[in-house]
Amino acid sequence: SLRLSCAASGDSISTYQIGWFRQAPGKEREFAAAISWSGGNT
């Protein structure tokens, strides 16, 4: 297991939908996960 962190500065994360994307070697970047601005939807 690993836990990745996305630390925000300059503005509150509550203003945004936050997504995680990933790009494997030789592959296109793809969607992994997202969370709504309220945190109520993943």
All heavy atoms as atom14 arrays in JSON, in Angstrom:
{
  "sequence": "SLRLSCAASGDSISTYQIGWFRQAPGKEREFAAAISWSGGNT",
  "atom14_mask": [
    [1, 1, 1, 1, 1, 1, 0, 0, 0, 0, 0, 0, 0, 0],
    [1, 1, 1, 1, 1, 1, 1, 1, 0, 0, 0, 0, 0, 0],
    [1, 1, 1, 1, 1, 1, 1, 1, 1, 1, 1, 0, 0, 0],
    [1, 1, 1, 1, 1, 1, 1, 1, 0, 0, 0, 0, 0, 0],
    [1, 1, 1, 1, 1, 1, 0, 0, 0, 0, 0, 0, 0, 0],
    [1, 1, 1, 1, 1, 1, 0, 0, 0, 0, 0, 0, 0, 0],
    [1, 1, 1, 1, 1, 0, 0, 0, 0, 0, 0, 0, 0, 0],
    [1, 1, 1, 1, 1, 0, 0, 0, 0, 0, 0, 0, 0, 0],
    [1, 1, 1, 1, 1, 1, 0, 0, 0, 0, 0, 0, 0, 0],
    [1, 1, 1, 1, 0, 0, 0, 0, 0, 0, 0, 0, 0, 0],
    [1, 1, 1, 1, 1, 1, 1, 1, 0, 0, 0, 0, 0, 0],
    [1, 1, 1, 1, 1, 1, 0, 0, 0, 0, 0, 0, 0, 0],
    [1, 1, 1, 1, 1, 1, 1, 1, 0, 0, 0, 0, 0, 0],
    [1, 1, 1, 1, 1, 1, 0, 0, 0, 0, 0, 0, 0, 0],
    [1, 1, 1, 1, 1, 1, 1, 0, 0, 0, 0, 0, 0, 0],
    [1, 1, 1, 1, 1, 1, 1, 1, 1, 1, 1, 1, 0, 0],
    [1, 1, 1, 1, 1, 1, 1, 1, 1, 0, 0, 0, 0, 0],
    [1, 1, 1, 1, 1, 1, 1, 1, 0, 0, 0, 0, 0, 0],
    [1, 1, 1, 1, 0, 0, 0, 0, 0, 0, 0, 0, 0, 0],
    [1, 1, 1, 1, 1, 1, 1, 1, 1, 1, 1, 1, 1, 1],
    [1, 1, 1, 1, 1, 1, 1, 1, 1, 1, 1, 0, 0, 0],
    [1, 1, 1, 1, 1, 1, 1, 1, 1, 1, 1, 0, 0, 0],
    [1, 1, 1, 1, 1, 1, 1, 1, 1, 0, 0, 0, 0, 0],
    [1, 1, 1, 1, 1, 0, 0, 0, 0, 0, 0, 0, 0, 0],
    [1, 1, 1, 1, 1, 1, 1, 0, 0, 0, 0, 0, 0, 0],
    [1, 1, 1, 1, 0, 0, 0, 0, 0, 0, 0, 0, 0, 0],
    [1, 1, 1, 1, 1, 1, 1, 1, 1, 0, 0, 0, 0, 0],
    [1, 1, 1, 1, 1, 1, 1, 1, 1, 0, 0, 0, 0, 0],
    [1, 1, 1, 1, 1, 1, 1, 1, 1, 1, 1, 0, 0, 0],
    [1, 1, 1, 1, 1, 1, 1, 1, 1, 0, 0, 0, 0, 0],
    [1, 1, 1, 1, 1, 1, 1, 1, 1, 1, 1, 0, 0, 0],
    [1, 1, 1, 1, 1, 0, 0, 0, 0, 0, 0, 0, 0, 0],
    [1, 1, 1, 1, 1, 0, 0, 0, 0, 0, 0, 0, 0, 0],
    [1, 1, 1, 1, 1, 0, 0, 0, 0, 0, 0, 0, 0, 0],
    [1, 1, 1, 1, 1, 1, 1, 1, 0, 0, 0, 0, 0, 0],
    [1, 1, 1, 1, 1, 1, 0, 0, 0, 0, 0, 0, 0, 0],
    [1, 1, 1, 1, 1, 1, 1, 1, 1, 1, 1, 1, 1, 1],
    [1, 1, 1, 1, 1, 1, 0, 0, 0, 0, 0, 0, 0, 0],
    [1, 1, 1, 1, 0, 0, 0, 0, 0, 0, 0, 0, 0, 0],
    [1, 1, 1, 1, 0, 0, 0, 0, 0, 0, 0, 0, 0, 0],
    [1, 1, 1, 1, 1, 1, 1, 1, 0, 0, 0, 0, 0, 0],
    [1, 1, 1, 1, 1, 1, 1, 0, 0, 0, 0, 0, 0, 0]
  ],
  "atom14_positions": [
    [[0.82, -1.2, 0.0], [0.0, 0.0, 0.0], [0.86, 1.25, 0.0], [1.99, 1.25, 0.5], [-0.92, 0.03, 1.23], [-1.83, -1.04, 1.23], [0.0, 0.0, 0.0], [0.0, 0.0, 0.0], [0.0, 0.0, 0.0], [0.0, 0.0, 0.0], [0.0, 0.0, 0.0], [0.0, 0.0, 0.0], [0.0, 0.0, 0.0], [0.0, 0.0, 0.0]],
    [[0.32, 2.31, -0.55], [0.9, 3.64, -0.5], [-0.21, 4.66, -0.32], [-1.33, 4.43, -0.77], [1.67, 3.97, -1.78], [3.09, 3.46, -1.97], [3.58, 3.82, -3.37], [4.02, 4.02, -0.91], [0.0, 0.0, 0.0], [0.0, 0.0, 0.0], [0.0, 0.0, 0.0], [0.0, 0.0, 0.0], [0.0, 0.0, 0.0], [0.0, 0.0, 0.0]],
    [[0.13, 5.76, 0.32], [-0.8, 6.87, 0.41], [-0.15, 8.1, -0.22], [0.88, 8.57, 0.26], [-1.19, 7.17, 1.85], [-2.17, 8.34, 1.98], [-2.62, 8.56, 3.41], [-3.47, 7.46, 3.86], [-4.01, 7.39, 5.07], [-3.78, 8.35, 5.96], [-4.78, 6.36, 5.4], [0.0, 0.0, 0.0], [0.0, 0.0, 0.0], [0.0, 0.0, 0.0]],
    [[-0.76, 8.59, -1.28], [-0.29, 9.79, -1.94], [-0.99, 11.01, -1.36], [-2.16, 10.94, -0.98], [-0.55, 9.73, -3.44], [0.02, 8.53, -4.19], [-0.25, 8.68, -5.69], [1.51, 8.37, -3.93], [0.0, 0.0, 0.0], [0.0, 0.0, 0.0], [0.0, 0.0, 0.0], [0.0, 0.0, 0.0], [0.0, 0.0, 0.0], [0.0, 0.0, 0.0]],
    [[-0.27, 12.12, -1.3], [-0.82, 13.37, -0.82], [-0.8, 14.42, -1.91], [0.14, 14.47, -2.71], [-0.02, 13.89, 0.38], [-0.07, 12.98, 1.46], [0.0, 0.0, 0.0], [0.0, 0.0, 0.0], [0.0, 0.0, 0.0], [0.0, 0.0, 0.0], [0.0, 0.0, 0.0], [0.0, 0.0, 0.0], [0.0, 0.0, 0.0], [0.0, 0.0, 0.0]],
    [[-1.82, 15.23, -1.95], [-1.9, 16.38, -2.84], [-2.13, 17.59, -1.96], [-3.26, 17.85, -1.54], [-3.01, 16.2, -3.86], [-3.27, 17.61, -4.95], [0.0, 0.0, 0.0], [0.0, 0.0, 0.0], [0.0, 0.0, 0.0], [0.0, 0.0, 0.0], [0.0, 0.0, 0.0], [0.0, 0.0, 0.0], [0.0, 0.0, 0.0], [0.0, 0.0, 0.0]],
    [[-1.06, 18.31, -1.67], [-1.13, 19.48, -0.81], [-1.39, 20.72, -1.63], [-0.67, 20.99, -2.6], [0.16, 19.62, -0.01], [0.0, 0.0, 0.0], [0.0, 0.0, 0.0], [0.0, 0.0, 0.0], [0.0, 0.0, 0.0], [0.0, 0.0, 0.0], [0.0, 0.0, 0.0], [0.0, 0.0, 0.0], [0.0, 0.0, 0.0], [0.0, 0.0, 0.0]],
    [[-2.39, 21.48, -1.26], [-2.77, 22.69, -1.98], [-2.35, 23.93, -1.21], [-2.35, 23.94, 0.03], [-4.28, 22.72, -2.23], [0.0, 0.0, 0.0], [0.0, 0.0, 0.0], [0.0, 0.0, 0.0], [0.0, 0.0, 0.0], [0.0, 0.0, 0.0], [0.0, 0.0, 0.0], [0.0, 0.0, 0.0], [0.0, 0.0, 0.0], [0.0, 0.0, 0.0]],
    [[-2.01, 24.96, -1.95], [-1.69, 26.25, -1.37], [-2.22, 27.34, -2.29], [-2.46, 27.11, -3.47], [-0.19, 26.41, -1.14], [0.53, 26.34, -2.36], [0.0, 0.0, 0.0], [0.0, 0.0, 0.0], [0.0, 0.0, 0.0], [0.0, 0.0, 0.0], [0.0, 0.0, 0.0], [0.0, 0.0, 0.0], [0.0, 0.0, 0.0], [0.0, 0.0, 0.0]],
    [[-2.39, 28.52, -1.73], [-2.89, 29.64, -2.51], [-4.4, 29.73, -2.58], [-4.94, 30.8, -2.9], [0.0, 0.0, 0.0], [0.0, 0.0, 0.0], [0.0, 0.0, 0.0], [0.0, 0.0, 0.0], [0.0, 0.0, 0.0], [0.0, 0.0, 0.0], [0.0, 0.0, 0.0], [0.0, 0.0, 0.0], [0.0, 0.0, 0.0], [0.0, 0.0, 0.0]],
    [[-5.08, 28.64, -2.3], [-6.53, 28.61, -2.33], [-7.0, 27.36, -1.59], [-6.22, 26.41, -1.4], [-7.06, 28.61, -3.76], [-8.48, 29.13, -3.88], [-9.11, 29.41, -2.84], [-8.97, 29.25, -5.02], [0.0, 0.0, 0.0], [0.0, 0.0, 0.0], [0.0, 0.0, 0.0], [0.0, 0.0, 0.0], [0.0, 0.0, 0.0], [0.0, 0.0, 0.0]],
    [[-8.24, 27.34, -1.23], [-8.81, 26.21, -0.51], [-9.21, 25.11, -1.48], [-9.78, 25.37, -2.54], [-10.02, 26.65, 0.3], [-10.69, 25.56, 0.88], [0.0, 0.0, 0.0], [0.0, 0.0, 0.0], [0.0, 0.0, 0.0], [0.0, 0.0, 0.0], [0.0, 0.0, 0.0], [0.0, 0.0, 0.0], [0.0, 0.0, 0.0], [0.0, 0.0, 0.0]],
    [[-8.96, 23.85, -1.09], [-9.38, 22.74, -1.94], [-10.89, 22.64, -2.03], [-11.41, 21.99, -2.94], [-8.79, 21.4, -1.46], [-9.22, 21.1, -0.01], [-7.28, 21.4, -1.6], [-8.87, 19.7, 0.44], [0.0, 0.0, 0.0], [0.0, 0.0, 0.0], [0.0, 0.0, 0.0], [0.0, 0.0, 0.0], [0.0, 0.0, 0.0], [0.0, 0.0, 0.0]],
    [[-11.59, 23.25, -1.1], [-13.04, 23.21, -1.13], [-13.62, 23.96, -2.32], [-14.8, 23.83, -2.62], [-13.62, 23.77, 0.17], [-13.34, 25.14, 0.33], [0.0, 0.0, 0.0], [0.0, 0.0, 0.0], [0.0, 0.0, 0.0], [0.0, 0.0, 0.0], [0.0, 0.0, 0.0], [0.0, 0.0, 0.0], [0.0, 0.0, 0.0], [0.0, 0.0, 0.0]],
    [[-12.79, 24.75, -2.99], [-13.22, 25.49, -4.17], [-13.25, 24.61, -5.42], [-13.88, 24.96, -6.41], [-12.27, 26.69, -4.41], [-12.19, 27.46, -3.21], [-12.77, 27.59, -5.53], [0.0, 0.0, 0.0], [0.0, 0.0, 0.0], [0.0, 0.0, 0.0], [0.0, 0.0, 0.0], [0.0, 0.0, 0.0], [0.0, 0.0, 0.0], [0.0, 0.0, 0.0]],
    [[-12.56, 23.47, -5.37], [-12.31, 22.68, -6.56], [-12.74, 21.23, -6.42], [-12.78, 20.66, -5.33], [-10.81, 22.68, -6.88], [-10.21, 24.05, -7.03], [-9.65, 24.7, -5.94], [-10.2, 24.69, -8.27], [-9.09, 25.96, -6.08], [-9.65, 25.94, -8.41], [-9.09, 26.58, -7.31], [-8.54, 27.83, -7.45], [0.0, 0.0, 0.0], [0.0, 0.0, 0.0]],
    [[-13.05, 20.63, -7.55], [-13.04, 19.2, -7.67], [-11.58, 18.78, -7.86], [-10.86, 19.37, -8.66], [-13.88, 18.74, -8.86], [-13.81, 17.25, -9.15], [-14.72, 16.86, -10.28], [-15.85, 16.44, -10.07], [-14.23, 17.01, -11.51], [0.0, 0.0, 0.0], [0.0, 0.0, 0.0], [0.0, 0.0, 0.0], [0.0, 0.0, 0.0], [0.0, 0.0, 0.0]],
    [[-11.14, 17.78, -7.13], [-9.76, 17.31, -7.21], [-9.74, 15.91, -7.83], [-10.47, 15.02, -7.38], [-9.08, 17.27, -5.84], [-9.12, 18.65, -5.17], [-7.63, 16.79, -5.98], [-8.37, 19.73, -5.92], [0.0, 0.0, 0.0], [0.0, 0.0, 0.0], [0.0, 0.0, 0.0], [0.0, 0.0, 0.0], [0.0, 0.0, 0.0], [0.0, 0.0, 0.0]],
    [[-8.9, 15.75, -8.83], [-8.75, 14.47, -9.48], [-7.34, 13.96, -9.4], [-6.38, 14.73, -9.28], [0.0, 0.0, 0.0], [0.0, 0.0, 0.0], [0.0, 0.0, 0.0], [0.0, 0.0, 0.0], [0.0, 0.0, 0.0], [0.0, 0.0, 0.0], [0.0, 0.0, 0.0], [0.0, 0.0, 0.0], [0.0, 0.0, 0.0], [0.0, 0.0, 0.0]],
    [[-7.21, 12.64, -9.44], [-5.92, 11.98, -9.57], [-5.85, 11.31, -10.94], [-6.77, 10.57, -11.31], [-5.7, 10.93, -8.48], [-5.34, 11.49, -7.14], [-6.18, 11.74, -6.1], [-4.03, 11.84, -6.69], [-5.48, 12.23, -5.02], [-4.15, 12.3, -5.36], [-2.76, 11.81, -7.28], [-3.05, 12.73, -4.62], [-1.68, 12.24, -6.54], [-1.83, 12.69, -5.22]],
    [[-4.78, 11.57, -11.65], [-4.51, 10.95, -12.93], [-3.16, 10.27, -12.86], [-2.34, 10.58, -12.0], [-4.52, 11.99, -14.05], [-5.87, 12.6, -14.32], [-6.36, 13.6, -13.49], [-6.63, 12.18, -15.39], [-7.61, 14.17, -13.73], [-7.88, 12.74, -15.64], [-8.36, 13.73, -14.8], [0.0, 0.0, 0.0], [0.0, 0.0, 0.0], [0.0, 0.0, 0.0]],
    [[-2.94, 9.34, -13.77], [-1.66, 8.64, -13.78], [-1.21, 8.39, -15.2], [-2.02, 8.25, -16.12], [-1.73, 7.33, -13.0], [-2.69, 6.3, -13.59], [-2.81, 5.1, -12.66], [-3.56, 4.01, -13.25], [-3.79, 2.86, -12.65], [-3.31, 2.63, -11.42], [-4.49, 1.91, -13.27], [0.0, 0.0, 0.0], [0.0, 0.0, 0.0], [0.0, 0.0, 0.0]],
    [[0.09, 8.34, -15.38], [0.67, 8.09, -16.69], [1.76, 7.04, -16.55], [2.8, 7.29, -15.94], [1.23, 9.36, -17.31], [1.69, 9.19, -18.74], [1.92, 10.52, -19.43], [2.18, 11.53, -18.78], [1.83, 10.53, -20.75], [0.0, 0.0, 0.0], [0.0, 0.0, 0.0], [0.0, 0.0, 0.0], [0.0, 0.0, 0.0], [0.0, 0.0, 0.0]],
    [[1.5, 5.87, -17.12], [2.46, 4.78, -17.1], [3.48, 4.97, -18.22], [3.2, 5.67, -19.21], [1.75, 3.45, -17.25], [0.0, 0.0, 0.0], [0.0, 0.0, 0.0], [0.0, 0.0, 0.0], [0.0, 0.0, 0.0], [0.0, 0.0, 0.0], [0.0, 0.0, 0.0], [0.0, 0.0, 0.0], [0.0, 0.0, 0.0], [0.0, 0.0, 0.0]],
    [[4.64, 4.35, -18.12], [5.64, 4.47, -19.18], [5.09, 4.04, -20.53], [4.51, 2.96, -20.67], [6.76, 3.53, -18.72], [6.61, 3.48, -17.24], [5.13, 3.55, -16.98], [0.0, 0.0, 0.0], [0.0, 0.0, 0.0], [0.0, 0.0, 0.0], [0.0, 0.0, 0.0], [0.0, 0.0, 0.0], [0.0, 0.0, 0.0], [0.0, 0.0, 0.0]],
    [[5.24, 4.9, -21.52], [4.77, 4.6, -22.86], [3.27, 4.65, -23.06], [2.79, 4.28, -24.13], [0.0, 0.0, 0.0], [0.0, 0.0, 0.0], [0.0, 0.0, 0.0], [0.0, 0.0, 0.0], [0.0, 0.0, 0.0], [0.0, 0.0, 0.0], [0.0, 0.0, 0.0], [0.0, 0.0, 0.0], [0.0, 0.0, 0.0], [0.0, 0.0, 0.0]],
    [[2.53, 5.1, -22.06], [1.08, 5.14, -22.14], [0.57, 6.57, -21.99], [1.28, 7.46, -21.52], [0.45, 4.27, -21.05], [0.99, 2.85, -20.97], [0.43, 1.99, -22.08], [-0.98, 1.56, -21.77], [-1.49, 0.57, -22.76], [0.0, 0.0, 0.0], [0.0, 0.0, 0.0], [0.0, 0.0, 0.0], [0.0, 0.0, 0.0], [0.0, 0.0, 0.0]],
    [[-0.67, 6.78, -22.4], [-1.3, 8.08, -22.22], [-1.76, 8.25, -20.78], [-2.0, 7.28, -20.07], [-2.49, 8.23, -23.17], [-2.13, 8.25, -24.64], [-3.32, 8.49, -25.53], [-4.46, 8.52, -25.02], [-3.13, 8.66, -26.74], [0.0, 0.0, 0.0], [0.0, 0.0, 0.0], [0.0, 0.0, 0.0], [0.0, 0.0, 0.0], [0.0, 0.0, 0.0]],
    [[-1.87, 9.49, -20.37], [-2.35, 9.78, -19.03], [-3.83, 9.38, -18.92], [-4.62, 9.61, -19.83], [-2.18, 11.25, -18.71], [-2.44, 11.61, -17.26], [-1.68, 12.85, -16.84], [-1.98, 13.99, -17.67], [-1.33, 15.14, -17.62], [-0.3, 15.28, -16.78], [-1.68, 16.14, -18.4], [0.0, 0.0, 0.0], [0.0, 0.0, 0.0], [0.0, 0.0, 0.0]],
    [[-4.19, 8.77, -17.8], [-5.54, 8.28, -17.61], [-6.08, 8.68, -16.24], [-5.33, 8.9, -15.28], [-5.61, 6.76, -17.76], [-4.84, 6.0, -16.7], [-4.97, 4.49, -16.84], [-5.48, 4.02, -17.87], [-4.56, 3.76, -15.91], [0.0, 0.0, 0.0], [0.0, 0.0, 0.0], [0.0, 0.0, 0.0], [0.0, 0.0, 0.0], [0.0, 0.0, 0.0]],
    [[-7.39, 8.74, -16.17], [-8.08, 9.08, -14.93], [-7.99, 7.94, -13.94], [-8.12, 6.77, -14.31], [-9.54, 9.4, -15.24], [-10.42, 9.48, -14.04], [-10.4, 10.59, -13.21], [-11.27, 8.44, -13.71], [-11.2, 10.68, -12.1], [-12.09, 8.5, -12.61], [-12.05, 9.64, -11.8], [0.0, 0.0, 0.0], [0.0, 0.0, 0.0], [0.0, 0.0, 0.0]],
    [[-7.79, 8.27, -12.67], [-7.79, 7.27, -11.62], [-8.92, 7.47, -10.62], [-9.67, 6.55, -10.33], [-6.44, 7.25, -10.89], [0.0, 0.0, 0.0], [0.0, 0.0, 0.0], [0.0, 0.0, 0.0], [0.0, 0.0, 0.0], [0.0, 0.0, 0.0], [0.0, 0.0, 0.0], [0.0, 0.0, 0.0], [0.0, 0.0, 0.0], [0.0, 0.0, 0.0]],
    [[-9.03, 8.68, -10.07], [-10.03, 8.95, -9.04], [-10.28, 10.44, -8.94], [-9.45, 11.25, -9.34], [-9.58, 8.4, -7.68], [0.0, 0.0, 0.0], [0.0, 0.0, 0.0], [0.0, 0.0, 0.0], [0.0, 0.0, 0.0], [0.0, 0.0, 0.0], [0.0, 0.0, 0.0], [0.0, 0.0, 0.0], [0.0, 0.0, 0.0], [0.0, 0.0, 0.0]],
    [[-11.44, 10.82, -8.39], [-11.76, 12.22, -8.19], [-12.68, 12.37, -6.99], [-13.38, 11.42, -6.6], [-12.4, 12.83, -9.43], [0.0, 0.0, 0.0], [0.0, 0.0, 0.0], [0.0, 0.0, 0.0], [0.0, 0.0, 0.0], [0.0, 0.0, 0.0], [0.0, 0.0, 0.0], [0.0, 0.0, 0.0], [0.0, 0.0, 0.0], [0.0, 0.0, 0.0]],
    [[-12.69, 13.57, -6.42], [-13.56, 13.88, -5.3], [-14.16, 15.25, -5.53], [-13.49, 16.17, -5.98], [-12.79, 13.8, -3.95], [-13.74, 13.95, -2.77], [-11.66, 14.82, -3.9], [-13.1, 13.57, -1.43], [0.0, 0.0, 0.0], [0.0, 0.0, 0.0], [0.0, 0.0, 0.0], [0.0, 0.0, 0.0], [0.0, 0.0, 0.0], [0.0, 0.0, 0.0]],
    [[-15.44, 15.4, -5.22], [-16.14, 16.66, -5.44], [-15.65, 17.72, -4.46], [-15.0, 17.42, -3.46], [-17.65, 16.46, -5.31], [-18.0, 16.06, -3.99], [0.0, 0.0, 0.0], [0.0, 0.0, 0.0], [0.0, 0.0, 0.0], [0.0, 0.0, 0.0], [0.0, 0.0, 0.0], [0.0, 0.0, 0.0], [0.0, 0.0, 0.0], [0.0, 0.0, 0.0]],
    [[-16.0, 18.96, -4.75], [-15.56, 20.07, -3.9], [-16.06, 19.92, -2.48], [-15.39, 20.34, -1.53], [-16.04, 21.4, -4.49], [-17.54, 21.58, -4.44], [-18.43, 21.25, -5.41], [-18.28, 22.15, -3.36], [-19.71, 21.56, -5.0], [-19.65, 22.13, -3.75], [-17.95, 22.68, -2.12], [-20.67, 22.6, -2.93], [-18.97, 23.15, -1.3], [-20.3, 23.11, -1.71]],
    [[-17.23, 19.33, -2.31], [-17.8, 19.15, -0.98], [-17.28, 17.9, -0.29], [-17.46, 17.74, 0.92], [-19.32, 19.07, -1.08], [-19.73, 17.9, -1.77], [0.0, 0.0, 0.0], [0.0, 0.0, 0.0], [0.0, 0.0, 0.0], [0.0, 0.0, 0.0], [0.0, 0.0, 0.0], [0.0, 0.0, 0.0], [0.0, 0.0, 0.0], [0.0, 0.0, 0.0]],
    [[-16.64, 17.03, -1.05], [-16.2, 15.75, -0.51], [-17.28, 14.7, -0.46], [-17.01, 13.56, -0.05], [0.0, 0.0, 0.0], [0.0, 0.0, 0.0], [0.0, 0.0, 0.0], [0.0, 0.0, 0.0], [0.0, 0.0, 0.0], [0.0, 0.0, 0.0], [0.0, 0.0, 0.0], [0.0, 0.0, 0.0], [0.0, 0.0, 0.0], [0.0, 0.0, 0.0]],
    [[-18.48, 15.06, -0.88], [-19.6, 14.15, -0.78], [-19.67, 13.11, -1.87], [-20.38, 12.11, -1.71], [0.0, 0.0, 0.0], [0.0, 0.0, 0.0], [0.0, 0.0, 0.0], [0.0, 0.0, 0.0], [0.0, 0.0, 0.0], [0.0, 0.0, 0.0], [0.0, 0.0, 0.0], [0.0, 0.0, 0.0], [0.0, 0.0, 0.0], [0.0, 0.0, 0.0]],
    [[-18.98, 13.34, -2.97], [-19.01, 12.42, -4.1], [-17.59, 12.03, -4.48], [-16.71, 12.89, -4.58], [-19.71, 13.06, -5.3], [-21.17, 13.34, -5.03], [-21.92, 12.46, -4.61], [-21.59, 14.58, -5.28], [0.0, 0.0, 0.0], [0.0, 0.0, 0.0], [0.0, 0.0, 0.0], [0.0, 0.0, 0.0], [0.0, 0.0, 0.0], [0.0, 0.0, 0.0]],
    [[-17.39, 10.75, -4.7], [-16.11, 10.24, -5.18], [-16.33, 9.4, -6.42], [-17.4, 8.81, -6.62], [-15.39, 9.41, -4.11], [-16.24, 8.33, -3.69], [-15.05, 10.27, -2.9], [0.0, 0.0, 0.0], [0.0, 0.0, 0.0], [0.0, 0.0, 0.0], [0.0, 0.0, 0.0], [0.0, 0.0, 0.0], [0.0, 0.0, 0.0], [0.0, 0.0, 0.0]]
  ]
}
